[in-house]
C-alpha atoms as a PDB file:
ATOM      1  CA  MET A   1      70.843 204.205  -6.396  1.00  0.00           C
ATOM      2  CA  TYR A   2      71.965 201.687  -8.966  1.00  0.00           C
ATOM      3  CA  ARG A   3      68.650 199.131  -9.359  1.00  0.00           C
ATOM      4  CA  PHE A   4      70.110 195.562 -10.418  1.00  0.00           C
ATOM      5  CA  PRO A   5      68.337 194.409 -13.226  1.00  0.00           C
ATOM      6  CA  ASN A   6      66.223 191.420 -11.862  1.00  0.00           C
ATOM      7  CA  GLY A   7      65.259 193.941  -8.785  1.00  0.00           C
ATOM      8  CA  GLY A   8      65.125 192.397  -5.511  1.00  0.00           C
ATOM      9  CA  ALA A   9      66.345 189.425  -6.053  1.00  0.00           C
ATOM     10  CA  LYS A  10      70.289 190.101  -6.359  1.00  0.00           C
ATOM     11  CA  GLN A  11      69.589 192.442  -4.060  1.00  0.00           C
ATOM     12  CA  ARG A  12      67.882 189.899  -1.844  1.00  0.00           C
ATOM     13  CA  LEU A  13      70.416 187.369  -2.017  1.00  0.00           C
ATOM     14  CA  VAL A  14      73.405 189.572  -1.707  1.00  0.00           C
ATOM     15  CA  ILE A  15      71.830 191.204   1.715  1.00  0.00           C
ATOM     16  CA  SER A  16      71.087 186.815   3.013  1.00  0.00           C
ATOM     17  CA  ILE A  17      74.777 185.667   1.847  1.00  0.00           C
ATOM     18  CA  ALA A  18      76.559 188.779   4.443  1.00  0.00           C
ATOM     19  CA  LEU A  19      74.170 187.506   7.387  1.00  0.00           C
ATOM     20  CA  ALA A  20      75.380 184.195   6.371  1.00  0.00           C
ATOM     21  CA  LEU A  21      79.038 185.519   6.600  1.00  0.00           C
ATOM     22  CA  LEU A  22      77.909 187.426   9.777  1.00  0.00           C
ATOM     23  CA  ALA A  23      76.453 185.116  11.519  1.00  0.00           C
ATOM     24  CA  LEU A  24      80.119 182.508  10.852  1.00  0.00           C
ATOM     25  CA  VAL A  25      81.978 185.140  11.834  1.00  0.00           C
ATOM     26  CA  VAL A  26      79.734 185.616  15.697  1.00  0.00           C
ATOM     27  CA  LEU A  27      79.470 182.205  15.877  1.00  0.00           C
ATOM     28  CA  TRP A  28      83.299 181.485  15.508  1.00  0.00           C
ATOM     29  CA  LEU A  29      83.944 184.415  17.424  1.00  0.00           C
ATOM     30  CA  GLY A  30      81.710 182.915  20.314  1.00  0.00           C
ATOM     31  CA  PHE A  31      82.331 180.025  19.983  1.00  0.00           C
ATOM     32  CA  ARG A  32      86.548 180.607  20.759  1.00  0.00           C
ATOM     33  CA  GLY A  33      85.764 183.090  22.838  1.00  0.00           C
ATOM     34  CA  SER A  34      84.295 180.719  25.969  1.00  0.00           C
ATOM     35  CA  PRO A  35      84.355 176.713  25.148  1.00  0.00           C
ATOM     36  CA  LEU A  36      83.288 176.831  28.740  1.00  0.00           C
ATOM     37  CA  GLN A  37      80.459 176.119  26.768  1.00  0.00           C
ATOM     38  CA  LEU A  38      80.653 172.945  26.138  1.00  0.00           C
ATOM     39  CA  ALA A  39      81.061 171.803  29.679  1.00  0.00           C
ATOM     40  CA  ARG A  40      79.293 169.325  30.502  1.00  0.00           C
ATOM     41  CA  ASP A  41      80.738 169.345  34.543  1.00  0.00           C
ATOM     42  CA  PHE A  42      81.982 171.502  36.821  1.00  0.00           C
ATOM     43  CA  GLU A  43      86.234 169.437  36.308  1.00  0.00           C
ATOM     44  CA  GLU A  44      85.367 169.430  32.894  1.00  0.00           C
ATOM     45  CA  CYS A  45      84.717 173.066  33.332  1.00  0.00           C
ATOM     46  CA  ALA A  46      87.487 173.516  35.511  1.00  0.00           C
ATOM     47  CA  GLU A  47      90.159 171.593  32.906  1.00  0.00           C
ATOM     48  CA  GLN A  48      88.889 173.557  30.499  1.00  0.00           C
ATOM     49  CA  VAL A  49      90.281 177.133  32.722  1.00  0.00           C
ATOM     50  CA  GLN A  50      93.752 174.979  33.243  1.00  0.00           C
ATOM     51  CA  ALA A  51      94.324 174.933  29.998  1.00  0.00           C
ATOM     52  CA  ARG A  52      93.837 177.954  28.780  1.00  0.00           C
ATOM     53  CA  SER A  53      95.923 179.431  31.221  1.00  0.00           C
ATOM     54  CA  PRO A  54      94.698 183.413  31.913  1.00  0.00           C
ATOM     55  CA  SER A  55      95.261 185.276  34.622  1.00  0.00           C
ATOM     56  CA  ASN A  56      94.907 185.501  38.085  1.00  0.00           C
ATOM     57  CA  ASP A  57      92.008 187.499  38.556  1.00  0.00           C
ATOM     58  CA  GLU A  58      90.344 185.711  34.854  1.00  0.00           C
ATOM     59  CA  ARG A  59      90.709 182.283  36.101  1.00  0.00           C
ATOM     60  CA  GLY A  60      88.573 183.253  39.444  1.00  0.00           C
ATOM     61  CA  ALA A  61      85.903 184.887  37.826  1.00  0.00           C
ATOM     62  CA  LEU A  62      85.527 181.382  34.766  1.00  0.00           C
ATOM     63  CA  MET A  63      86.333 179.227  38.584  1.00  0.00           C
ATOM     64  CA  THR A  64      82.425 180.881  39.865  1.00  0.00           C
ATOM     65  CA  ASP A  65      81.045 180.881  36.807  1.00  0.00           C
ATOM     66  CA  CYS A  66      82.274 177.130  37.214  1.00  0.00           C
ATOM     67  CA  ASN A  67      80.741 177.109  40.245  1.00  0.00           C
ATOM     68  CA  ALA A  68      77.152 178.792  38.716  1.00  0.00           C
ATOM     69  CA  ARG A  69      77.144 176.876  36.303  1.00  0.00           C
ATOM     70  CA  PHE A  70      77.429 173.297  38.228  1.00  0.00           C
ATOM     71  CA  ALA A  71      76.514 172.734  41.428  1.00  0.00           C
ATOM     72  CA  GLY A  72      77.192 169.486  41.729  1.00  0.00           C
ATOM     73  CA  ARG A  73      81.441 167.297  40.983  1.00  0.00           C
ATOM     74  CA  ARG A  74      82.147 164.396  39.770  1.00  0.00           C
ATOM     75  CA  LYS A  75      82.678 161.104  41.638  1.00  0.00           C
ATOM     76  CA  ALA A  76      84.642 158.815  41.682  1.00  0.00           C
ATOM     77  CA  GLY A  77      82.459 155.440  41.235  1.00  0.00           C
ATOM     78  CA  GLY A  78      80.124 157.733  38.862  1.00  0.00           C
ATOM     79  CA  GLY A  79      77.260 160.151  39.100  1.00  0.00           C
ATOM     80  CA  TYR A  80      77.386 163.115  41.075  1.00  0.00           C
ATOM     81  CA  ARG A  81      76.816 164.556  44.374  1.00  0.00           C
ATOM     82  CA  TYR A  82      75.591 167.693  45.668  1.00  0.00           C
ATOM     83  CA  TYR A  83      76.975 169.548  48.901  1.00  0.00           C
ATOM     84  CA  ASP A  84      74.798 171.955  51.500  1.00  0.00           C
ATOM     85  CA  PHE A  85      76.271 173.995  52.443  1.00  0.00           C
ATOM     86  CA  MET A  86      73.593 174.450  54.762  1.00  0.00           C
ATOM     87  CA  GLN A  87      72.676 170.867  56.370  1.00  0.00           C
ATOM     88  CA  ASN A  88      76.803 170.379  56.171  1.00  0.00           C
ATOM     89  CA  ARG A  89      76.343 167.711  54.345  1.00  0.00           C
ATOM     90  CA  HIS A  90      76.182 165.919  50.847  1.00  0.00           C
ATOM     91  CA  PHE A  91      73.380 163.913  49.070  1.00  0.00           C
ATOM     92  CA  ASP A  92      73.884 162.066  45.626  1.00  0.00           C
ATOM     93  CA  ILE A  93      72.148 163.498  42.506  1.00  0.00           C
ATOM     94  CA  ALA A  94      72.704 162.210  38.755  1.00  0.00           C
ATOM     95  CA  SER A  95      74.097 164.876  36.968  1.00  0.00           C
ATOM     96  CA  PRO A  96      76.229 167.788  37.689  1.00  0.00           C
ATOM     97  CA  ASN A  97      72.543 169.991  38.823  1.00  0.00           C
ATOM     98  CA  PRO A  98      70.189 168.292  41.423  1.00  0.00           C
ATOM     99  CA  THR A  99      66.521 167.322  39.158  1.00  0.00           C
ATOM    100  CA  ALA A 100      63.812 169.668  40.815  1.00  0.00           C
ATOM    101  CA  GLU A 101      62.950 165.964  41.865  1.00  0.00           C
ATOM    102  CA  GLU A 102      66.192 166.097  44.127  1.00  0.00           C
ATOM    103  CA  ARG A 103      66.398 169.280  45.053  1.00  0.00           C
ATOM    104  CA  LYS A 104      62.138 168.306  46.554  1.00  0.00           C
ATOM    105  CA  GLN A 105      63.922 165.865  49.252  1.00  0.00           C
ATOM    106  CA  ILE A 106      67.146 168.390  49.316  1.00  0.00           C
ATOM    107  CA  ASP A 107      64.143 170.830  51.113  1.00  0.00           C
ATOM    108  CA  ARG A 108      62.492 167.839  52.911  1.00  0.00           C
ATOM    109  CA  GLU A 109      66.340 166.220  55.051  1.00  0.00           C
ATOM    110  CA  TYR A 110      67.163 170.228  54.843  1.00  0.00           C
ATOM    111  CA  MET A 111      63.522 170.745  57.562  1.00  0.00           C
ATOM    112  CA  VAL A 112      64.341 167.568  59.561  1.00  0.00           C
ATOM    113  CA  PHE A 113      68.051 169.057  59.600  1.00  0.00           C
ATOM    114  CA  LEU A 114      65.601 172.270  61.487  1.00  0.00           C
ATOM    115  CA  ASP A 115      63.835 170.201  63.259  1.00  0.00           C
ATOM    116  CA  ALA A 116      66.562 168.158  64.948  1.00  0.00           C
ATOM    117  CA  GLN A 117      68.922 171.249  64.915  1.00  0.00           C
ATOM    118  CA  ARG A 118      65.320 173.558  67.476  1.00  0.00           C
ATOM    119  CA  ARG A 119      65.191 169.984  69.926  1.00  0.00           C
ATOM    120  CA  GLU A 120      68.614 169.783  71.121  1.00  0.00           C
ATOM    121  CA  ALA A 121      68.002 173.796  71.785  1.00  0.00           C
ATOM    122  CA  ILE A 122      65.662 172.853  73.867  1.00  0.00           C
ATOM    123  CA  SER A 123      67.582 170.127  75.395  1.00  0.00           C
ATOM    124  CA  ALA A 124      70.476 172.583  75.767  1.00  0.00           C
ATOM    125  CA  GLU A 125      68.309 175.362  77.197  1.00  0.00           C
ATOM    126  CA  LEU A 126      67.100 172.686  79.340  1.00  0.00           C
ATOM    127  CA  ALA A 127      69.136 170.948  81.028  1.00  0.00           C
ATOM    128  CA  LYS A 128      71.069 175.089  81.520  1.00  0.00           C
ATOM    129  CA  ARG A 129      68.252 175.630  83.407  1.00  0.00           C
ATOM    130  CA  GLN A 130      68.610 172.254  85.494  1.00  0.00           C
ATOM    131  CA  ASN A 131      72.816 172.765  86.146  1.00  0.00           C
ATOM    132  CA  GLU A 132      71.689 176.192  87.382  1.00  0.00           C
ATOM    133  CA  GLN A 133      68.606 175.252  90.127  1.00  0.00           C
ATOM    134  CA  LEU A 134      71.685 172.249  91.798  1.00  0.00           C
ATOM    135  CA  ARG A 135      74.117 174.576  91.431  1.00  0.00           C
ATOM    136  CA  ALA A 136      71.442 177.683  93.312  1.00  0.00           C
ATOM    137  CA  ASP A 137      69.977 174.418  95.781  1.00  0.00           C
ATOM    138  CA  LEU A 138      73.387 173.305  96.865  1.00  0.00           C
ATOM    139  CA  GLU A 139      75.003 177.269  97.934  1.00  0.00           C
ATOM    140  CA  ARG A 140      72.112 177.209  99.849  1.00  0.00           C
ATOM    141  CA  VAL A 141      72.485 174.029 101.248  1.00  0.00           C
ATOM    142  CA  ARG A 142      76.705 175.231 101.941  1.00  0.00           C
ATOM    143  CA  GLN A 143      75.569 178.300 104.145  1.00  0.00           C
ATOM    144  CA  PRO A 144      76.030 177.393 107.694  1.00  0.00           C
ATOM    145  CA  LEU A 145      72.215 177.082 108.947  1.00  0.00           C
ATOM    146  CA  GLY A 146      73.663 179.297 112.686  1.00  0.00           C
ATOM    147  CA  PRO A 147      72.970 178.359 116.009  1.00  0.00           C
ATOM    148  CA  PRO A 148      70.751 174.848 117.048  1.00  0.00           C
ATOM    149  CA  MET A 149      67.033 175.803 117.868  1.00  0.00           C
ATOM    150  CA  VAL A 150      65.488 174.742 121.195  1.00  0.00           C
ATOM    151  CA  LEU A 151      62.704 173.956 122.017  1.00  0.00           C
ATOM    152  CA  THR A 152      61.134 173.912 125.535  1.00  0.00           C
ATOM    153  CA  PRO A 153      57.164 173.207 126.458  1.00  0.00           C
ATOM    154  CA  ARG A 154      55.111 175.666 127.314  1.00  0.00           C
ATOM    155  CA  ASN A 155      53.105 174.268 130.156  1.00  0.00           C
ATOM    156  CA  GLN A 156      56.169 172.070 132.480  1.00  0.00           C
ATOM    157  CA  PRO A 157      54.058 167.938 133.213  1.00  0.00           C
ATOM    158  CA  SER A 158      53.476 167.923 136.639  1.00  0.00           C
ATOM    159  CA  SER A 159      55.768 165.550 138.560  1.00  0.00           C
ATOM    160  CA  ALA A 160      52.419 163.292 139.299  1.00  0.00           C
ATOM    161  CA  ALA A 161      52.003 163.108 136.083  1.00  0.00           C
ATOM    162  CA  LYS A 162      54.854 161.023 135.348  1.00  0.00           C
ATOM    163  CA  LYS A 163      55.270 158.131 137.866  1.00  0.00           C
ATOM    164  CA  PRO A 164      53.738 155.493 135.884  1.00  0.00           C
ATOM    165  CA  LEU A 165      51.076 153.112 137.723  1.00  0.00           C
ATOM    166  CA  ASP A 166      51.170 150.697 138.318  1.00  0.00           C
ATOM    167  CA  ARG A 167      47.846 148.622 136.771  1.00  0.00           C
ATOM    168  CA  SER A 168      48.076 145.350 137.741  1.00  0.00           C
ATOM    169  CA  LYS A 169      47.254 146.697 141.952  1.00  0.00           C
ATOM    170  CA  SER A 170      43.973 148.133 141.331  1.00  0.00           C
ATOM    171  CA  THR A 171      42.411 149.483 144.502  1.00  0.00           C
ATOM    172  CA  HIS A 172      39.108 148.713 143.153  1.00  0.00           C
ATOM    173  CA  CYS A 173      38.149 145.737 140.981  1.00  0.00           C
ATOM    174  CA  GLU A 174      34.764 144.336 139.624  1.00  0.00           C
ATOM    175  CA  ASP A 175      34.879 140.658 138.954  1.00  0.00           C
ATOM    176  CA  GLY A 176      32.865 140.374 135.956  1.00  0.00           C
ATOM    177  CA  SER A 177      35.175 143.396 134.197  1.00  0.00           C
ATOM    178  CA  LEU A 178      37.668 141.775 131.695  1.00  0.00           C
ATOM    179  CA  THR A 179      40.456 144.699 132.340  1.00  0.00           C
ATOM    180  CA  CYS A 180      40.051 142.716 136.355  1.00  0.00           C
ATOM    181  CA  SER A 181      40.076 139.836 134.615  1.00  0.00           C
ATOM    182  CA  TRP A 182      43.718 141.443 132.877  1.00  0.00           C
ATOM    183  CA  ALA A 183      45.120 142.890 136.035  1.00  0.00           C
ATOM    184  CA  LYS A 184      44.880 139.113 137.882  1.00  0.00           C
ATOM    185  CA  LEU A 185      46.440 137.904 135.152  1.00  0.00           C
ATOM    186  CA  SER A 186      48.937 139.639 134.408  1.00  0.00           C
ATOM    187  CA  ALA A 187      49.687 139.680 137.981  1.00  0.00           C
ATOM    188  CA  VAL A 188      50.322 135.603 138.219  1.00  0.00           C
ATOM    189  CA  VAL A 189      52.184 135.568 135.713  1.00  0.00           C
ATOM    190  CA  LYS A 190      54.847 137.682 136.840  1.00  0.00           C
ATOM    191  CA  ASN A 191      54.427 135.635 140.726  1.00  0.00           C
ATOM    192  CA  ALA A 192      55.316 132.926 139.147  1.00  0.00           C
ATOM    193  CA  PHE A 193      58.058 134.318 136.856  1.00  0.00           C
ATOM    194  CA  ALA A 194      59.354 135.820 140.315  1.00  0.00           C
ATOM    195  CA  SER A 195      59.414 132.860 142.483  1.00  0.00           C
ATOM    196  CA  SER A 196      60.677 130.861 139.700  1.00  0.00           C
ATOM    197  CA  LYS A 197      64.287 132.569 139.320  1.00  0.00           C
ATOM    198  CA  THR A 198      64.941 133.012 143.280  1.00  0.00           C
ATOM    199  CA  LYS A 199      64.644 129.005 143.496  1.00  0.00           C
ATOM    200  CA  PRO A 200      68.127 127.671 143.315  1.00  0.00           C
END
């Protein structure tokens, strides 16, 4: 093997130049091969994919890469909008991808969304049960009742008990009793009305 006269200094210089050239070639091929890495957001990434005019299979793969890298979509007035398919709802975010705080807020909103879904499911189940109960009650009411029921008393009252007693004519009355006084008063009033009707 041939040795340089100055020893390893020239050898190190040649090796470092070769490594630097190799690094430049790798960087040049890397940037040339995927300019999508320089995109700032999804829209810019999609524009770069369209500008390259790749085949349909490659375009699909590149668009999938853009979707994976950028969760948010650019808004017309500035800023970005994130679509959460679990809630079927959009959230405004500051950058192409949600920050940690924005992720926490989206998660909190998702918990509220799940709670509302649970309450709606419980309400729907309760309404369904009440509706079924009402239908069952209506079916019971619509069924025929059958012949009418006749109630007959077991002991027939005697004909003597059916006659009303004339309390105004008592056979024996004590002068000081309230019952006797009341009977006498009502008899007098009755007679007075009866006599006034018969006179012309």
